[in-house]
C-alpha atoms as a PDB file:
ATOM      1  CA  UNK A   1      43.564  61.587  17.398  1.00  0.00           C
ATOM      2  CA  UNK A   2      46.391  59.014  17.222  1.00  0.00           C
ATOM      3  CA  UNK A   3      46.713  56.170  14.740  1.00  0.00           C
ATOM      4  CA  UNK A   4      45.554  53.568  17.265  1.00  0.00           C
ATOM      5  CA  UNK A   5      42.362  55.521  17.920  1.00  0.00           C
ATOM      6  CA  UNK A   6      41.699  55.651  14.193  1.00  0.00           C
ATOM      7  CA  UNK A   7      42.213  51.887  13.914  1.00  0.00           C
ATOM      8  CA  UNK A   8      40.066  51.280  17.002  1.00  0.00           C
ATOM      9  CA  UNK A   9      37.165  53.361  15.725  1.00  0.00           C
ATOM     10  CA  UNK A  10      37.471  51.924  12.226  1.00  0.00           C
ATOM     11  CA  UNK A  11      36.593  48.481  13.604  1.00  0.00           C
ATOM     12  CA  UNK A  12      33.149  49.851  14.492  1.00  0.00           C
ATOM     13  CA  UNK A  13      32.563  50.974  10.913  1.00  0.00           C
ATOM     14  CA  UNK A  14      33.716  47.609   9.593  1.00  0.00           C
ATOM     15  CA  UNK A  15      31.254  45.978  11.993  1.00  0.00           C
ATOM     16  CA  UNK A  16      28.380  48.291  11.023  1.00  0.00           C
ATOM     17  CA  UNK A  17      28.967  47.755   7.299  1.00  0.00           C
ATOM     18  CA  UNK A  18      29.166  43.997   7.908  1.00  0.00           C
ATOM     19  CA  UNK A  19      25.761  44.014   9.620  1.00  0.00           C
ATOM     20  CA  UNK A  20      24.150  45.771   6.658  1.00  0.00           C
ATOM     21  CA  UNK A  21      25.840  43.409   4.189  1.00  0.00           C
ATOM     22  CA  UNK A  22      24.677  40.409   6.214  1.00  0.00           C
ATOM     23  CA  UNK A  23      21.135  41.779   6.514  1.00  0.00           C
ATOM     24  CA  UNK A  24      20.724  42.009   2.753  1.00  0.00           C
ATOM     25  CA  UNK A  25      22.896  39.150   1.488  1.00  0.00           C
ATOM     26  CA  UNK A  26      23.448  36.575   4.266  1.00  0.00           C
ATOM     27  CA  UNK A  27      20.693  37.229   6.843  1.00  0.00           C
ATOM     28  CA  UNK A  28      21.107  33.789   8.418  1.00  0.00           C
ATOM     29  CA  UNK A  29      24.263  35.066  10.123  1.00  0.00           C
ATOM     30  CA  UNK A  30      22.204  37.603  12.087  1.00  0.00           C
ATOM     31  CA  UNK A  31      19.552  35.197  13.323  1.00  0.00           C
ATOM     32  CA  UNK A  32      19.609  33.519  16.719  1.00  0.00           C
ATOM     33  CA  UNK A  33      17.213  32.231  19.334  1.00  0.00           C
ATOM     34  CA  UNK A  34      13.611  32.277  18.125  1.00  0.00           C
ATOM     35  CA  UNK A  35      14.570  33.617  14.681  1.00  0.00           C
ATOM     36  CA  UNK A  36      17.258  30.977  14.017  1.00  0.00           C
ATOM     37  CA  UNK A  37      16.667  28.679  11.060  1.00  0.00           C
ATOM     38  CA  UNK A  38      18.497  25.354  10.669  1.00  0.00           C
ATOM     39  CA  UNK A  39      20.605  25.022   7.523  1.00  0.00           C
ATOM     40  CA  UNK A  40      22.742  22.378   5.831  1.00  0.00           C
ATOM     41  CA  UNK A  41      25.138  25.045   4.573  1.00  0.00           C
ATOM     42  CA  UNK A  42      28.574  24.498   6.146  1.00  0.00           C
ATOM     43  CA  UNK A  43      29.210  28.157   6.950  1.00  0.00           C
ATOM     44  CA  UNK A  44      25.743  28.630   8.420  1.00  0.00           C
ATOM     45  CA  UNK A  45      26.238  25.531  10.561  1.00  0.00           C
ATOM     46  CA  UNK A  46      29.222  27.078  12.390  1.00  0.00           C
ATOM     47  CA  UNK A  47      27.320  27.757  15.586  1.00  0.00           C
ATOM     48  CA  UNK A  48      27.800  27.693  19.330  1.00  0.00           C
ATOM     49  CA  UNK A  49      25.337  27.701  22.248  1.00  0.00           C
ATOM     50  CA  UNK A  50      23.652  31.032  22.856  1.00  0.00           C
ATOM     51  CA  UNK A  51      24.561  30.557  26.522  1.00  0.00           C
ATOM     52  CA  UNK A  52      28.093  31.545  25.450  1.00  0.00           C
ATOM     53  CA  UNK A  53      26.833  35.119  25.772  1.00  0.00           C
ATOM     54  CA  UNK A  54      28.065  34.704  29.333  1.00  0.00           C
ATOM     55  CA  UNK A  55      31.640  34.694  28.029  1.00  0.00           C
ATOM     56  CA  UNK A  56      31.212  38.298  26.886  1.00  0.00           C
ATOM     57  CA  UNK A  57      30.398  39.477  30.384  1.00  0.00           C
ATOM     58  CA  UNK A  58      33.020  37.292  32.046  1.00  0.00           C
ATOM     59  CA  UNK A  59      35.602  38.910  29.790  1.00  0.00           C
ATOM     60  CA  UNK A  60      34.178  42.380  30.398  1.00  0.00           C
ATOM     61  CA  UNK A  61      34.083  41.791  34.172  1.00  0.00           C
ATOM     62  CA  UNK A  62      37.774  40.832  34.197  1.00  0.00           C
ATOM     63  CA  UNK A  63      38.770  43.832  32.088  1.00  0.00           C
ATOM     64  CA  UNK A  64      36.584  46.211  34.077  1.00  0.00           C
ATOM     65  CA  UNK A  65      38.103  45.039  37.385  1.00  0.00           C
ATOM     66  CA  UNK A  66      41.536  45.906  35.995  1.00  0.00           C
ATOM     67  CA  UNK A  67      40.277  49.297  34.803  1.00  0.00           C
ATOM     68  CA  UNK A  68      38.607  49.985  38.137  1.00  0.00           C
ATOM     69  CA  UNK A  69      41.828  49.247  40.038  1.00  0.00           C
ATOM     70  CA  UNK A  70      43.824  51.704  37.929  1.00  0.00           C
ATOM     71  CA  UNK A  71      41.171  54.232  36.935  1.00  0.00           C
ATOM     72  CA  UNK A  72      38.839  54.991  39.806  1.00  0.00           C
ATOM     73  CA  UNK A  73      36.060  56.839  38.069  1.00  0.00           C
ATOM     74  CA  UNK A  74      32.301  56.826  37.784  1.00  0.00           C
ATOM     75  CA  UNK A  75      32.556  55.266  34.314  1.00  0.00           C
ATOM     76  CA  UNK A  76      34.803  52.349  35.281  1.00  0.00           C
ATOM     77  CA  UNK A  77      32.631  51.633  38.325  1.00  0.00           C
ATOM     78  CA  UNK A  78      29.460  51.687  36.218  1.00  0.00           C
ATOM     79  CA  UNK A  79      30.914  49.425  33.501  1.00  0.00           C
ATOM     80  CA  UNK A  80      32.031  47.007  36.225  1.00  0.00           C
ATOM     81  CA  UNK A  81      28.559  46.960  37.815  1.00  0.00           C
ATOM     82  CA  UNK A  82      26.908  46.446  34.437  1.00  0.00           C
ATOM     83  CA  UNK A  83      29.291  43.634  33.443  1.00  0.00           C
ATOM     84  CA  UNK A  84      28.928  41.753  36.730  1.00  0.00           C
ATOM     85  CA  UNK A  85      25.137  42.095  36.694  1.00  0.00           C
ATOM     86  CA  UNK A  86      24.911  40.763  33.165  1.00  0.00           C
ATOM     87  CA  UNK A  87      27.310  37.934  34.042  1.00  0.00           C
ATOM     88  CA  UNK A  88      25.045  36.964  36.945  1.00  0.00           C
ATOM     89  CA  UNK A  89      21.957  37.117  34.734  1.00  0.00           C
ATOM     90  CA  UNK A  90      23.563  34.960  32.044  1.00  0.00           C
ATOM     91  CA  UNK A  91      24.336  32.145  34.464  1.00  0.00           C
ATOM     92  CA  UNK A  92      21.632  32.502  37.118  1.00  0.00           C
ATOM     93  CA  UNK A  93      18.574  34.093  35.480  1.00  0.00           C
ATOM     94  CA  UNK A  94      18.359  33.512  31.728  1.00  0.00           C
ATOM     95  CA  UNK A  95      17.097  30.139  30.502  1.00  0.00           C
ATOM     96  CA  UNK A  96      18.993  29.500  27.290  1.00  0.00           C
ATOM     97  CA  UNK A  97      17.637  26.092  26.341  1.00  0.00           C
ATOM     98  CA  UNK A  98      19.132  24.769  23.108  1.00  0.00           C
ATOM     99  CA  UNK A  99      19.321  28.162  21.371  1.00  0.00           C
ATOM    100  CA  UNK A 100      22.239  28.715  19.007  1.00  0.00           C
ATOM    101  CA  UNK A 101      24.153  31.709  17.697  1.00  0.00           C
ATOM    102  CA  UNK A 102      26.437  31.838  14.695  1.00  0.00           C
ATOM    103  CA  UNK A 103      30.151  31.748  15.465  1.00  0.00           C
ATOM    104  CA  UNK A 104      30.559  35.162  13.815  1.00  0.00           C
ATOM    105  CA  UNK A 105      28.063  36.608  16.299  1.00  0.00           C
ATOM    106  CA  UNK A 106      30.109  35.172  19.163  1.00  0.00           C
ATOM    107  CA  UNK A 107      33.380  36.601  17.839  1.00  0.00           C
ATOM    108  CA  UNK A 108      31.771  40.019  17.374  1.00  0.00           C
ATOM    109  CA  UNK A 109      30.710  39.989  21.033  1.00  0.00           C
ATOM    110  CA  UNK A 110      34.276  39.236  22.121  1.00  0.00           C
ATOM    111  CA  UNK A 111      35.496  42.097  19.917  1.00  0.00           C
ATOM    112  CA  UNK A 112      32.966  44.582  21.304  1.00  0.00           C
ATOM    113  CA  UNK A 113      33.637  44.037  25.008  1.00  0.00           C
ATOM    114  CA  UNK A 114      37.394  43.910  24.482  1.00  0.00           C
ATOM    115  CA  UNK A 115      37.303  47.157  22.497  1.00  0.00           C
ATOM    116  CA  UNK A 116      35.025  48.846  25.039  1.00  0.00           C
ATOM    117  CA  UNK A 117      37.288  48.138  28.001  1.00  0.00           C
ATOM    118  CA  UNK A 118      40.555  48.674  26.132  1.00  0.00           C
ATOM    119  CA  UNK A 119      39.307  52.013  24.838  1.00  0.00           C
ATOM    120  CA  UNK A 120      38.298  53.144  28.328  1.00  0.00           C
ATOM    121  CA  UNK A 121      41.715  52.126  29.665  1.00  0.00           C
ATOM    122  CA  UNK A 122      43.580  54.077  26.986  1.00  0.00           C
ATOM    123  CA  UNK A 123      41.400  57.148  26.529  1.00  0.00           C
ATOM    124  CA  UNK A 124      39.661  57.839  29.833  1.00  0.00           C
ATOM    125  CA  UNK A 125      39.569  61.450  30.874  1.00  0.00           C
ATOM    126  CA  UNK A 126      37.856  63.819  33.247  1.00  0.00           C
ATOM    127  CA  UNK A 127      34.884  62.309  35.061  1.00  0.00           C
ATOM    128  CA  UNK A 128      31.582  64.098  34.555  1.00  0.00           C
ATOM    129  CA  UNK A 129      29.656  63.781  37.813  1.00  0.00           C
ATOM    130  CA  UNK A 130      26.310  64.281  36.164  1.00  0.00           C
ATOM    131  CA  UNK A 131      23.217  63.478  38.180  1.00  0.00           C
ATOM    132  CA  UNK A 132      21.404  62.766  34.918  1.00  0.00           C
ATOM    133  CA  UNK A 133      23.919  60.073  33.922  1.00  0.00           C
ATOM    134  CA  UNK A 134      23.722  58.386  37.332  1.00  0.00           C
ATOM    135  CA  UNK A 135      19.918  58.384  37.387  1.00  0.00           C
ATOM    136  CA  UNK A 136      19.781  57.164  33.784  1.00  0.00           C
ATOM    137  CA  UNK A 137      22.231  54.346  34.548  1.00  0.00           C
ATOM    138  CA  UNK A 138      20.383  53.208  37.668  1.00  0.00           C
ATOM    139  CA  UNK A 139      16.890  53.375  36.160  1.00  0.00           C
ATOM    140  CA  UNK A 140      17.790  51.663  32.876  1.00  0.00           C
ATOM    141  CA  UNK A 141      19.812  48.985  34.695  1.00  0.00           C
ATOM    142  CA  UNK A 142      16.936  48.232  37.053  1.00  0.00           C
ATOM    143  CA  UNK A 143      14.488  48.092  34.162  1.00  0.00           C
ATOM    144  CA  UNK A 144      16.758  45.807  32.146  1.00  0.00           C
ATOM    145  CA  UNK A 145      17.238  43.479  35.120  1.00  0.00           C
ATOM    146  CA  UNK A 146      13.462  43.371  35.603  1.00  0.00           C
ATOM    147  CA  UNK A 147      12.922  42.679  31.903  1.00  0.00           C
ATOM    148  CA  UNK A 148      15.496  39.884  31.837  1.00  0.00           C
ATOM    149  CA  UNK A 149      13.874  38.278  34.874  1.00  0.00           C
ATOM    150  CA  UNK A 150      10.460  38.579  33.201  1.00  0.00           C
ATOM    151  CA  UNK A 151      11.741  37.042  29.951  1.00  0.00           C
ATOM    152  CA  UNK A 152      13.285  34.134  31.858  1.00  0.00           C
ATOM    153  CA  UNK A 153       9.857  33.251  33.268  1.00  0.00           C
ATOM    154  CA  UNK A 154       7.965  33.775  30.026  1.00  0.00           C
ATOM    155  CA  UNK A 155       6.720  30.767  28.109  1.00  0.00           C
ATOM    156  CA  UNK A 156       9.228  29.949  25.372  1.00  0.00           C
ATOM    157  CA  UNK A 157       8.655  31.808  22.086  1.00  0.00           C
ATOM    158  CA  UNK A 158       5.647  33.753  23.358  1.00  0.00           C
ATOM    159  CA  UNK A 159       5.320  37.505  22.959  1.00  0.00           C
ATOM    160  CA  UNK A 160       6.245  39.628  26.006  1.00  0.00           C
ATOM    161  CA  UNK A 161       3.753  42.247  27.142  1.00  0.00           C
ATOM    162  CA  UNK A 162       5.126  43.537  30.439  1.00  0.00           C
ATOM    163  CA  UNK A 163       6.194  47.124  31.029  1.00  0.00           C
ATOM    164  CA  UNK A 164       7.897  48.709  28.037  1.00  0.00           C
ATOM    165  CA  UNK A 165       7.357  45.516  26.035  1.00  0.00           C
ATOM    166  CA  UNK A 166       3.811  46.797  25.499  1.00  0.00           C
ATOM    167  CA  UNK A 167       5.305  49.490  23.296  1.00  0.00           C
ATOM    168  CA  UNK A 168       8.771  48.227  22.257  1.00  0.00           C
ATOM    169  CA  UNK A 169       9.494  44.800  20.744  1.00  0.00           C
ATOM    170  CA  UNK A 170      12.880  44.594  22.452  1.00  0.00           C
ATOM    171  CA  UNK A 171      12.540  46.713  25.590  1.00  0.00           C
ATOM    172  CA  UNK A 172      15.663  45.149  27.125  1.00  0.00           C
ATOM    173  CA  UNK A 173      17.673  46.348  24.109  1.00  0.00           C
ATOM    174  CA  UNK A 174      16.264  49.842  24.579  1.00  0.00           C
ATOM    175  CA  UNK A 175      17.552  49.650  28.159  1.00  0.00           C
ATOM    176  CA  UNK A 176      20.991  48.692  26.813  1.00  0.00           C
ATOM    177  CA  UNK A 177      20.983  51.770  24.610  1.00  0.00           C
ATOM    178  CA  UNK A 178      20.116  53.969  27.596  1.00  0.00           C
ATOM    179  CA  UNK A 179      22.842  52.355  29.715  1.00  0.00           C
ATOM    180  CA  UNK A 180      25.515  53.150  27.139  1.00  0.00           C
ATOM    181  CA  UNK A 181      24.128  56.655  26.754  1.00  0.00           C
ATOM    182  CA  UNK A 182      24.658  57.107  30.496  1.00  0.00           C
ATOM    183  CA  UNK A 183      28.247  55.842  30.082  1.00  0.00           C
ATOM    184  CA  UNK A 184      28.827  58.394  27.344  1.00  0.00           C
ATOM    185  CA  UNK A 185      27.780  61.209  29.697  1.00  0.00           C
ATOM    186  CA  UNK A 186      30.204  60.118  32.437  1.00  0.00           C
ATOM    187  CA  UNK A 187      33.650  60.627  30.902  1.00  0.00           C
ATOM    188  CA  UNK A 188      35.062  63.218  28.487  1.00  0.00           C
ATOM    189  CA  UNK A 189      38.050  61.204  27.323  1.00  0.00           C
ATOM    190  CA  UNK A 190      36.020  58.111  26.449  1.00  0.00           C
ATOM    191  CA  UNK A 191      33.119  60.032  24.928  1.00  0.00           C
ATOM    192  CA  UNK A 192      34.055  59.429  21.290  1.00  0.00           C
ATOM    193  CA  UNK A 193      34.599  55.721  22.002  1.00  0.00           C
ATOM    194  CA  UNK A 194      31.197  55.453  23.652  1.00  0.00           C
ATOM    195  CA  UNK A 195      29.495  57.336  20.826  1.00  0.00           C
ATOM    196  CA  UNK A 196      30.848  54.632  18.524  1.00  0.00           C
ATOM    197  CA  UNK A 197      29.563  51.981  20.953  1.00  0.00           C
ATOM    198  CA  UNK A 198      26.116  53.576  20.811  1.00  0.00           C
ATOM    199  CA  UNK A 199      26.203  53.623  17.006  1.00  0.00           C
ATOM    200  CA  UNK A 200      27.096  49.939  17.047  1.00  0.00           C
ATOM    201  CA  UNK A 201      24.269  49.141  19.475  1.00  0.00           C
ATOM    202  CA  UNK A 202      21.795  51.067  17.324  1.00  0.00           C
ATOM    203  CA  UNK A 203      22.736  49.054  14.237  1.00  0.00           C
ATOM    204  CA  UNK A 204      23.325  45.657  15.838  1.00  0.00           C
ATOM    205  CA  UNK A 205      20.445  45.563  18.313  1.00  0.00           C
ATOM    206  CA  UNK A 206      18.251  47.558  15.947  1.00  0.00           C
ATOM    207  CA  UNK A 207      18.646  44.765  13.391  1.00  0.00           C
ATOM    208  CA  UNK A 208      17.909  42.115  16.029  1.00  0.00           C
ATOM    209  CA  UNK A 209      14.845  44.059  17.185  1.00  0.00           C
ATOM    210  CA  UNK A 210      13.634  44.320  13.599  1.00  0.00           C
ATOM    211  CA  UNK A 211      14.013  40.546  13.127  1.00  0.00           C
ATOM    212  CA  UNK A 212      12.256  39.848  16.431  1.00  0.00           C
ATOM    213  CA  UNK A 213       9.378  42.229  15.699  1.00  0.00           C
ATOM    214  CA  UNK A 214       8.816  40.696  12.278  1.00  0.00           C
ATOM    215  CA  UNK A 215       8.882  37.228  13.829  1.00  0.00           C
ATOM    216  CA  UNK A 216       6.192  38.296  16.327  1.00  0.00           C
ATOM    217  CA  UNK A 217       4.124  39.729  13.481  1.00  0.00           C
ATOM    218  CA  UNK A 218       4.402  36.518  11.480  1.00  0.00           C
ATOM    219  CA  UNK A 219       3.836  34.214  14.455  1.00  0.00           C
ATOM    220  CA  UNK A 220       1.098  36.059  16.338  1.00  0.00           C
ATOM    221  CA  UNK A 221      -0.280  38.519  13.786  1.00  0.00           C
ATOM    222  CA  UNK A 222       0.737  41.550  15.833  1.00  0.00           C
ATOM    223  CA  UNK A 223       3.734  43.123  17.534  1.00  0.00           C
ATOM    224  CA  UNK A 224       4.580  46.096  19.727  1.00  0.00           C
ATOM    225  CA  UNK A 225       4.371  49.394  17.873  1.00  0.00           C
ATOM    226  CA  UNK A 226       8.090  50.212  18.016  1.00  0.00           C
ATOM    227  CA  UNK A 227      11.056  47.936  17.304  1.00  0.00           C
ATOM    228  CA  UNK A 228      13.695  49.608  19.491  1.00  0.00           C
ATOM    229  CA  UNK A 229      13.210  53.347  20.088  1.00  0.00           C
ATOM    230  CA  UNK A 230       9.767  54.874  20.744  1.00  0.00           C
ATOM    231  CA  UNK A 231       8.626  57.332  18.040  1.00  0.00           C
ATOM    232  CA  UNK A 232      11.841  56.708  16.058  1.00  0.00           C
ATOM    233  CA  UNK A 233      12.163  53.045  15.097  1.00  0.00           C
END
């Protein structure tokens, strides 16, 4: 492992530790959308529209096109498809309204998708043509697209109950976890990078799912049984 790999992977641990610190000491930084609470605090007021999520996928689409041109593999093709689909959903499916995210959340998103694509470019290896990874990618992508379409048509701040939402508070986040698991199975060289991506998703989206589930419980008096992963969390 070279020094750049060590530095690259260390950013994930800094991010994970930061999420835990924020959860216990400055939870407002982790809230967005339905869980966001207005504040007069200057640092908490550093926000941007939640619709800026689209910037993450625009950036990832550009990077993944470059990777796909130079590294023709199952992984680069799948990351490209995922990035373009999410870019389309951000601008053509999701209804953002006036939702806000903290600026730190936005910067973290830019970091994640830059690191993902840069890591694939630098450390890609032998493609693993696994039928399991392809099926997992297709099924979880289709389910996530269906869930995002369903959420876009759902009455604002109501509790979803379609499909996996009956059992998981944030079924679309569970799909994201499965998508990155499929990526991890596709390429030997990028496997360690993608394991770190999965760890980040578990912590980051796990925290968001926990906040969302608790909001449902407080608002409606009930929530889906699991926050993110059935029978685990």
